[in-house]
């Protein structure tokens, strides 16, 4: 596995009924999560989350991929070079 890197996941939840699934997936990767912030945007009926991780790139990609397979959730990642 590659060396650990800092990454930020940006997540938009358009189907809030999927929040339980989202939290279960994040829980599975909890050992790599430094912190998270969620903002409910009630006017648009969505939630916006930022998740900061310190993990090998393979783990970050696995989490992003699992989130991307959940309908109503969009996830994108920015990974540091260090």
PDB file of N, CA and C in Angstrom:
ATOM      1  N   UNK A   1       0.849  -1.174   0.000  1.00  0.00           N
ATOM      2  CA  UNK A   1       0.000   0.000   0.000  1.00  0.00           C
ATOM      3  C   UNK A   1       0.896   1.239   0.000  1.00  0.00           C
ATOM      4  N   UNK A   2       0.436   2.282  -0.634  1.00  0.00           N
ATOM      5  CA  UNK A   2       1.222   3.516  -0.735  1.00  0.00           C
ATOM      6  C   UNK A   2       1.245   4.256   0.597  1.00  0.00           C
ATOM      7  N   UNK A   3       2.086   5.277   0.656  1.00  0.00           N
ATOM      8  CA  UNK A   3       2.188   6.047   1.887  1.00  0.00           C
ATOM      9  C   UNK A   3       0.929   6.871   2.123  1.00  0.00           C
ATOM     10  N   UNK A   4       0.734   7.251   3.354  1.00  0.00           N
ATOM     11  CA  UNK A   4      -0.447   8.000   3.756  1.00  0.00           C
ATOM     12  C   UNK A   4      -0.389   9.429   3.233  1.00  0.00           C
ATOM     13  N   UNK A   5      -1.556   9.942   2.840  1.00  0.00           N
ATOM     14  CA  UNK A   5      -1.679  11.324   2.364  1.00  0.00           C
ATOM     15  C   UNK A   5      -2.907  11.962   2.987  1.00  0.00           C
ATOM     16  N   UNK A   6      -2.901  13.272   2.997  1.00  0.00           N
ATOM     17  CA  UNK A   6      -4.068  14.005   3.477  1.00  0.00           C
ATOM     18  C   UNK A   6      -4.993  14.243   2.293  1.00  0.00           C
ATOM     19  N   UNK A   7      -6.272  14.001   2.507  1.00  0.00           N
ATOM     20  CA  UNK A   7      -7.264  14.167   1.446  1.00  0.00           C
ATOM     21  C   UNK A   7      -8.508  14.841   2.005  1.00  0.00           C
ATOM     22  N   UNK A   8      -9.210  15.547   1.132  1.00  0.00           N
ATOM     23  CA  UNK A   8     -10.486  16.166   1.480  1.00  0.00           C
ATOM     24  C   UNK A   8     -11.540  15.629   0.529  1.00  0.00           C
ATOM     25  N   UNK A   9     -12.592  15.051   1.087  1.00  0.00           N
ATOM     26  CA  UNK A   9     -13.722  14.587   0.287  1.00  0.00           C
ATOM     27  C   UNK A   9     -14.829  15.626   0.380  1.00  0.00           C
ATOM     28  N   UNK A  10     -15.354  16.009  -0.761  1.00  0.00           N
ATOM     29  CA  UNK A  10     -16.518  16.891  -0.815  1.00  0.00           C
ATOM     30  C   UNK A  10     -17.700  16.022  -1.199  1.00  0.00           C
ATOM     31  N   UNK A  11     -18.726  16.061  -0.391  1.00  0.00           N
ATOM     32  CA  UNK A  11     -19.881  15.189  -0.593  1.00  0.00           C
ATOM     33  C   UNK A  11     -21.144  16.036  -0.618  1.00  0.00           C
ATOM     34  N   UNK A  12     -21.978  15.786  -1.630  1.00  0.00           N
ATOM     35  CA  UNK A  12     -23.290  16.430  -1.693  1.00  0.00           C
ATOM     36  C   UNK A  12     -24.340  15.332  -1.622  1.00  0.00           C
ATOM     37  N   UNK A  13     -25.245  15.477  -0.672  1.00  0.00           N
ATOM     38  CA  UNK A  13     -26.321  14.514  -0.481  1.00  0.00           C
ATOM     39  C   UNK A  13     -27.607  15.151  -0.981  1.00  0.00           C
ATOM     40  N   UNK A  14     -28.095  14.677  -2.119  1.00  0.00           N
ATOM     41  CA  UNK A  14     -29.331  15.214  -2.690  1.00  0.00           C
ATOM     42  C   UNK A  14     -30.553  14.430  -2.231  1.00  0.00           C
ATOM     43  N   UNK A  15     -30.339  13.204  -1.768  1.00  0.00           N
ATOM     44  CA  UNK A  15     -31.422  12.364  -1.239  1.00  0.00           C
ATOM     45  C   UNK A  15     -31.111  12.099   0.225  1.00  0.00           C
ATOM     46  N   UNK A  16     -31.701  12.900   1.110  1.00  0.00           N
ATOM     47  CA  UNK A  16     -31.370  12.795   2.536  1.00  0.00           C
ATOM     48  C   UNK A  16     -31.800  11.461   3.140  1.00  0.00           C
ATOM     49  N   UNK A  17     -32.616  10.692   2.458  1.00  0.00           N
ATOM     50  CA  UNK A  17     -32.948   9.352   2.928  1.00  0.00           C
ATOM     51  C   UNK A  17     -31.726   8.432   2.868  1.00  0.00           C
ATOM     52  N   UNK A  18     -30.686   8.847   2.161  1.00  0.00           N
ATOM     53  CA  UNK A  18     -29.446   8.063   2.034  1.00  0.00           C
ATOM     54  C   UNK A  18     -28.425   8.403   3.119  1.00  0.00           C
ATOM     55  N   UNK A  19     -28.772   9.301   4.022  1.00  0.00           N
ATOM     56  CA  UNK A  19     -27.839   9.735   5.060  1.00  0.00           C
ATOM     57  C   UNK A  19     -27.384   8.580   5.952  1.00  0.00           C
ATOM     58  N   UNK A  20     -28.284   7.664   6.261  1.00  0.00           N
ATOM     59  CA  UNK A  20     -27.912   6.520   7.100  1.00  0.00           C
ATOM     60  C   UNK A  20     -26.865   5.651   6.404  1.00  0.00           C
ATOM     61  N   UNK A  21     -27.027   5.412   5.111  1.00  0.00           N
ATOM     62  CA  UNK A  21     -26.050   4.647   4.335  1.00  0.00           C
ATOM     63  C   UNK A  21     -24.718   5.393   4.284  1.00  0.00           C
ATOM     64  N   UNK A  22     -24.760   6.697   4.062  1.00  0.00           N
ATOM     65  CA  UNK A  22     -23.553   7.521   4.041  1.00  0.00           C
ATOM     66  C   UNK A  22     -22.797   7.403   5.354  1.00  0.00           C
ATOM     67  N   UNK A  23     -23.500   7.551   6.471  1.00  0.00           N
ATOM     68  CA  UNK A  23     -22.852   7.476   7.780  1.00  0.00           C
ATOM     69  C   UNK A  23     -22.273   6.093   8.053  1.00  0.00           C
ATOM     70  N   UNK A  24     -22.934   5.047   7.578  1.00  0.00           N
ATOM     71  CA  UNK A  24     -22.411   3.686   7.754  1.00  0.00           C
ATOM     72  C   UNK A  24     -21.102   3.510   6.991  1.00  0.00           C
ATOM     73  N   UNK A  25     -21.042   4.031   5.775  1.00  0.00           N
ATOM     74  CA  UNK A  25     -19.806   3.935   4.983  1.00  0.00           C
ATOM     75  C   UNK A  25     -18.694   4.731   5.640  1.00  0.00           C
ATOM     76  N   UNK A  26     -18.984   5.945   6.076  1.00  0.00           N
ATOM     77  CA  UNK A  26     -17.975   6.760   6.745  1.00  0.00           C
ATOM     78  C   UNK A  26     -17.487   6.074   8.023  1.00  0.00           C
ATOM     79  N   UNK A  27     -18.388   5.426   8.738  1.00  0.00           N
ATOM     80  CA  UNK A  27     -18.007   4.698   9.949  1.00  0.00           C
ATOM     81  C   UNK A  27     -17.003   3.590   9.636  1.00  0.00           C
ATOM     82  N   UNK A  28     -17.209   2.898   8.513  1.00  0.00           N
ATOM     83  CA  UNK A  28     -16.299   1.819   8.107  1.00  0.00           C
ATOM     84  C   UNK A  28     -14.877   2.324   7.863  1.00  0.00           C
ATOM     85  N   UNK A  29     -14.732   3.587   7.496  1.00  0.00           N
ATOM     86  CA  UNK A  29     -13.423   4.189   7.218  1.00  0.00           C
ATOM     87  C   UNK A  29     -12.981   5.121   8.351  1.00  0.00           C
ATOM     88  N   UNK A  30     -13.635   5.018   9.496  1.00  0.00           N
ATOM     89  CA  UNK A  30     -13.417   5.935  10.609  1.00  0.00           C
ATOM     90  C   UNK A  30     -11.984   6.046  11.093  1.00  0.00           C
ATOM     91  N   UNK A  31     -11.212   4.980  10.995  1.00  0.00           N
ATOM     92  CA  UNK A  31      -9.827   5.038  11.493  1.00  0.00           C
ATOM     93  C   UNK A  31      -8.959   5.999  10.685  1.00  0.00           C
ATOM     94  N   UNK A  32      -9.402   6.351   9.468  1.00  0.00           N
ATOM     95  CA  UNK A  32      -8.640   7.249   8.603  1.00  0.00           C
ATOM     96  C   UNK A  32      -9.166   8.683   8.612  1.00  0.00           C
ATOM     97  N   UNK A  33     -10.332   8.898   9.213  1.00  0.00           N
ATOM     98  CA  UNK A  33     -10.966  10.210   9.175  1.00  0.00           C
ATOM     99  C   UNK A  33     -10.447  11.092  10.304  1.00  0.00           C
ATOM    100  N   UNK A  34      -9.926  12.254   9.927  1.00  0.00           N
ATOM    101  CA  UNK A  34      -9.429  13.233  10.900  1.00  0.00           C
ATOM    102  C   UNK A  34     -10.606  14.051  11.444  1.00  0.00           C
ATOM    103  N   UNK A  35     -11.497  14.451  10.555  1.00  0.00           N
ATOM    104  CA  UNK A  35     -12.647  15.246  10.957  1.00  0.00           C
ATOM    105  C   UNK A  35     -13.638  15.385   9.822  1.00  0.00           C
ATOM    106  N   UNK A  36     -14.829  15.810  10.175  1.00  0.00           N
ATOM    107  CA  UNK A  36     -15.863  16.012   9.162  1.00  0.00           C
ATOM    108  C   UNK A  36     -16.765  17.162   9.575  1.00  0.00           C
ATOM    109  N   UNK A  37     -17.328  17.811   8.563  1.00  0.00           N
ATOM    110  CA  UNK A  37     -18.237  18.916   8.804  1.00  0.00           C
ATOM    111  C   UNK A  37     -19.409  18.761   7.843  1.00  0.00           C
ATOM    112  N   UNK A  38     -20.603  18.828   8.362  1.00  0.00           N
ATOM    113  CA  UNK A  38     -21.788  18.728   7.531  1.00  0.00           C
ATOM    114  C   UNK A  38     -22.646  19.965   7.665  1.00  0.00           C
ATOM    115  N   UNK A  39     -23.144  20.431   6.539  1.00  0.00           N
ATOM    116  CA  UNK A  39     -23.987  21.621   6.534  1.00  0.00           C
ATOM    117  C   UNK A  39     -25.300  21.288   5.822  1.00  0.00           C
ATOM    118  N   UNK A  40     -26.405  21.292   6.543  1.00  0.00           N
ATOM    119  CA  UNK A  40     -27.687  21.104   5.868  1.00  0.00           C
ATOM    120  C   UNK A  40     -28.097  22.397   5.177  1.00  0.00           C
ATOM    121  N   UNK A  41     -28.413  22.296   3.906  1.00  0.00           N
ATOM    122  CA  UNK A  41     -28.861  23.468   3.147  1.00  0.00           C
ATOM    123  C   UNK A  41     -30.365  23.273   2.915  1.00  0.00           C
ATOM    124  N   UNK A  42     -31.126  23.685   3.891  1.00  0.00           N
ATOM    125  CA  UNK A  42     -32.567  23.400   3.906  1.00  0.00           C
ATOM    126  C   UNK A  42     -33.314  24.025   2.731  1.00  0.00           C
ATOM    127  N   UNK A  43     -32.879  25.183   2.275  1.00  0.00           N
ATOM    128  CA  UNK A  43     -33.564  25.853   1.159  1.00  0.00           C
ATOM    129  C   UNK A  43     -33.518  25.003  -0.114  1.00  0.00           C
ATOM    130  N   UNK A  44     -32.441  24.235  -0.289  1.00  0.00           N
ATOM    131  CA  UNK A  44     -32.298  23.379  -1.474  1.00  0.00           C
ATOM    132  C   UNK A  44     -32.585  21.911  -1.169  1.00  0.00           C
ATOM    133  N   UNK A  45     -32.861  21.611   0.115  1.00  0.00           N
ATOM    134  CA  UNK A  45     -33.130  20.241   0.565  1.00  0.00           C
ATOM    135  C   UNK A  45     -31.972  19.294   0.251  1.00  0.00           C
ATOM    136  N   UNK A  46     -30.738  19.773   0.498  1.00  0.00           N
ATOM    137  CA  UNK A  46     -29.540  18.953   0.332  1.00  0.00           C
ATOM    138  C   UNK A  46     -28.651  19.133   1.557  1.00  0.00           C
ATOM    139  N   UNK A  47     -27.634  18.293   1.658  1.00  0.00           N
ATOM    140  CA  UNK A  47     -26.596  18.454   2.677  1.00  0.00           C
ATOM    141  C   UNK A  47     -25.249  18.463   1.984  1.00  0.00           C
ATOM    142  N   UNK A  48     -24.326  19.262   2.509  1.00  0.00           N
ATOM    143  CA  UNK A  48     -22.975  19.360   1.963  1.00  0.00           C
ATOM    144  C   UNK A  48     -22.015  18.966   3.083  1.00  0.00           C
ATOM    145  N   UNK A  49     -21.113  18.015   2.793  1.00  0.00           N
ATOM    146  CA  UNK A  49     -20.161  17.545   3.788  1.00  0.00           C
ATOM    147  C   UNK A  49     -18.743  17.685   3.271  1.00  0.00           C
ATOM    148  N   UNK A  50     -17.843  17.942   4.201  1.00  0.00           N
ATOM    149  CA  UNK A  50     -16.405  17.884   3.947  1.00  0.00           C
ATOM    150  C   UNK A  50     -15.831  16.876   4.924  1.00  0.00           C
ATOM    151  N   UNK A  51     -15.044  15.941   4.410  1.00  0.00           N
ATOM    152  CA  UNK A  51     -14.419  14.924   5.239  1.00  0.00           C
ATOM    153  C   UNK A  51     -12.917  14.981   4.992  1.00  0.00           C
ATOM    154  N   UNK A  52     -12.135  15.163   6.050  1.00  0.00           N
ATOM    155  CA  UNK A  52     -10.683  15.211   5.938  1.00  0.00           C
ATOM    156  C   UNK A  52     -10.124  13.871   6.419  1.00  0.00           C
ATOM    157  N   UNK A  53      -9.237  13.296   5.591  1.00  0.00           N
ATOM    158  CA  UNK A  53      -8.674  11.981   5.891  1.00  0.00           C
ATOM    159  C   UNK A  53      -7.156  12.018   5.857  1.00  0.00           C
ATOM    160  N   UNK A  54      -6.551  11.074   6.530  1.00  0.00           N
ATOM    161  CA  UNK A  54      -5.128  10.795   6.414  1.00  0.00           C
ATOM    162  C   UNK A  54      -5.049   9.296   6.150  1.00  0.00           C
ATOM    163  N   UNK A  55      -4.811   8.939   4.885  1.00  0.00           N
ATOM    164  CA  UNK A  55      -4.890   7.532   4.483  1.00  0.00           C
ATOM    165  C   UNK A  55      -4.109   7.304   3.198  1.00  0.00           C
ATOM    166  N   UNK A  56      -3.750   6.046   2.925  1.00  0.00           N
ATOM    167  CA  UNK A  56      -3.160   5.739   1.624  1.00  0.00           C
ATOM    168  C   UNK A  56      -4.159   6.058   0.508  1.00  0.00           C
ATOM    169  N   UNK A  57      -3.648   6.391  -0.647  1.00  0.00           N
ATOM    170  CA  UNK A  57      -4.513   6.779  -1.754  1.00  0.00           C
ATOM    171  C   UNK A  57      -5.524   5.680  -2.112  1.00  0.00           C
ATOM    172  N   UNK A  58      -5.135   4.431  -1.965  1.00  0.00           N
ATOM    173  CA  UNK A  58      -6.047   3.326  -2.274  1.00  0.00           C
ATOM    174  C   UNK A  58      -7.278   3.352  -1.368  1.00  0.00           C
ATOM    175  N   UNK A  59      -7.073   3.717  -0.112  1.00  0.00           N
ATOM    176  CA  UNK A  59      -8.187   3.791   0.836  1.00  0.00           C
ATOM    177  C   UNK A  59      -9.094   4.963   0.492  1.00  0.00           C
ATOM    178  N   UNK A  60      -8.507   6.096   0.181  1.00  0.00           N
ATOM    179  CA  UNK A  60      -9.287   7.279  -0.201  1.00  0.00           C
ATOM    180  C   UNK A  60     -10.125   6.963  -1.440  1.00  0.00           C
ATOM    181  N   UNK A  61      -9.500   6.321  -2.425  1.00  0.00           N
ATOM    182  CA  UNK A  61     -10.222   5.956  -3.649  1.00  0.00           C
ATOM    183  C   UNK A  61     -11.340   4.968  -3.364  1.00  0.00           C
ATOM    184  N   UNK A  62     -11.095   4.022  -2.462  1.00  0.00           N
ATOM    185  CA  UNK A  62     -12.129   3.040  -2.114  1.00  0.00           C
ATOM    186  C   UNK A  62     -13.337   3.724  -1.480  1.00  0.00           C
ATOM    187  N   UNK A  63     -13.079   4.661  -0.569  1.00  0.00           N
ATOM    188  CA  UNK A  63     -14.182   5.375   0.075  1.00  0.00           C
ATOM    189  C   UNK A  63     -14.954   6.201  -0.944  1.00  0.00           C
ATOM    190  N   UNK A  64     -14.242   6.932  -1.783  1.00  0.00           N
ATOM    191  CA  UNK A  64     -14.905   7.758  -2.794  1.00  0.00           C
ATOM    192  C   UNK A  64     -15.746   6.890  -3.730  1.00  0.00           C
ATOM    193  N   UNK A  65     -15.206   5.737  -4.113  1.00  0.00           N
ATOM    194  CA  UNK A  65     -15.935   4.825  -4.993  1.00  0.00           C
ATOM    195  C   UNK A  65     -17.195   4.277  -4.354  1.00  0.00           C
ATOM    196  N   UNK A  66     -17.113   3.890  -3.082  1.00  0.00           N
ATOM    197  CA  UNK A  66     -18.293   3.367  -2.383  1.00  0.00           C
ATOM    198  C   UNK A  66     -19.373   4.432  -2.273  1.00  0.00           C
ATOM    199  N   UNK A  67     -18.962   5.665  -1.979  1.00  0.00           N
ATOM    200  CA  UNK A  67     -19.938   6.743  -1.884  1.00  0.00           C
ATOM    201  C   UNK A  67     -20.577   7.024  -3.241  1.00  0.00           C
ATOM    202  N   UNK A  68     -19.775   6.956  -4.295  1.00  0.00           N
ATOM    203  CA  UNK A  68     -20.281   7.211  -5.641  1.00  0.00           C
ATOM    204  C   UNK A  68     -21.298   6.189  -6.119  1.00  0.00           C
ATOM    205  N   UNK A  69     -21.290   5.007  -5.512  1.00  0.00           N
ATOM    206  CA  UNK A  69     -22.245   3.965  -5.899  1.00  0.00           C
ATOM    207  C   UNK A  69     -23.599   4.113  -5.220  1.00  0.00           C
ATOM    208  N   UNK A  70     -23.682   5.021  -4.255  1.00  0.00           N
ATOM    209  CA  UNK A  70     -24.941   5.250  -3.546  1.00  0.00           C
ATOM    210  C   UNK A  70     -25.726   6.322  -4.294  1.00  0.00           C
ATOM    211  N   UNK A  71     -26.906   5.987  -4.733  1.00  0.00           N
ATOM    212  CA  UNK A  71     -27.746   6.951  -5.442  1.00  0.00           C
ATOM    213  C   UNK A  71     -28.064   8.157  -4.576  1.00  0.00           C
ATOM    214  N   UNK A  72     -28.085   9.323  -5.174  1.00  0.00           N
ATOM    215  CA  UNK A  72     -28.414  10.543  -4.447  1.00  0.00           C
ATOM    216  C   UNK A  72     -27.240  11.175  -3.744  1.00  0.00           C
ATOM    217  N   UNK A  73     -26.037  10.577  -3.912  1.00  0.00           N
ATOM    218  CA  UNK A  73     -24.828  11.112  -3.280  1.00  0.00           C
ATOM    219  C   UNK A  73     -23.767  11.313  -4.353  1.00  0.00           C
ATOM    220  N   UNK A  74     -23.132  12.482  -4.334  1.00  0.00           N
ATOM    221  CA  UNK A  74     -22.004  12.781  -5.221  1.00  0.00           C
ATOM    222  C   UNK A  74     -20.790  13.042  -4.348  1.00  0.00           C
ATOM    223  N   UNK A  75     -19.641  12.455  -4.716  1.00  0.00           N
ATOM    224  CA  UNK A  75     -18.416  12.626  -3.933  1.00  0.00           C
ATOM    225  C   UNK A  75     -17.242  12.887  -4.863  1.00  0.00           C
ATOM    226  N   UNK A  76     -16.433  13.859  -4.511  1.00  0.00           N
ATOM    227  CA  UNK A  76     -15.198  14.186  -5.238  1.00  0.00           C
ATOM    228  C   UNK A  76     -14.089  14.345  -4.205  1.00  0.00           C
ATOM    229  N   UNK A  77     -12.851  14.092  -4.644  1.00  0.00           N
ATOM    230  CA  UNK A  77     -11.726  14.076  -3.709  1.00  0.00           C
ATOM    231  C   UNK A  77     -10.579  14.928  -4.195  1.00  0.00           C
ATOM    232  N   UNK A  78      -9.921  15.575  -3.256  1.00  0.00           N
ATOM    233  CA  UNK A  78      -8.676  16.304  -3.509  1.00  0.00           C
ATOM    234  C   UNK A  78      -7.634  15.674  -2.599  1.00  0.00           C
ATOM    235  N   UNK A  79      -6.510  15.207  -3.168  1.00  0.00           N
ATOM    236  CA  UNK A  79      -5.479  14.506  -2.418  1.00  0.00           C
ATOM    237  C   UNK A  79      -4.182  15.299  -2.454  1.00  0.00           C
ATOM    238  N   UNK A  80      -3.543  15.452  -1.291  1.00  0.00           N
ATOM    239  CA  UNK A  80      -2.273  16.165  -1.233  1.00  0.00           C
ATOM    240  C   UNK A  80      -1.170  15.345  -1.864  1.00  0.00           C
ATOM    241  N   UNK A  81      -0.090  16.000  -2.213  1.00  0.00           N
ATOM    242  CA  UNK A  81       1.067  15.307  -2.763  1.00  0.00           C
ATOM    243  C   UNK A  81       1.948  14.734  -1.669  1.00  0.00           C
ATOM    244  N   UNK A  82       1.721  15.152  -0.432  1.00  0.00           N
ATOM    245  CA  UNK A  82       2.595  14.761   0.681  1.00  0.00           C
ATOM    246  C   UNK A  82       1.871  13.925   1.687  1.00  0.00           C
TER     247      UNK A  82
END
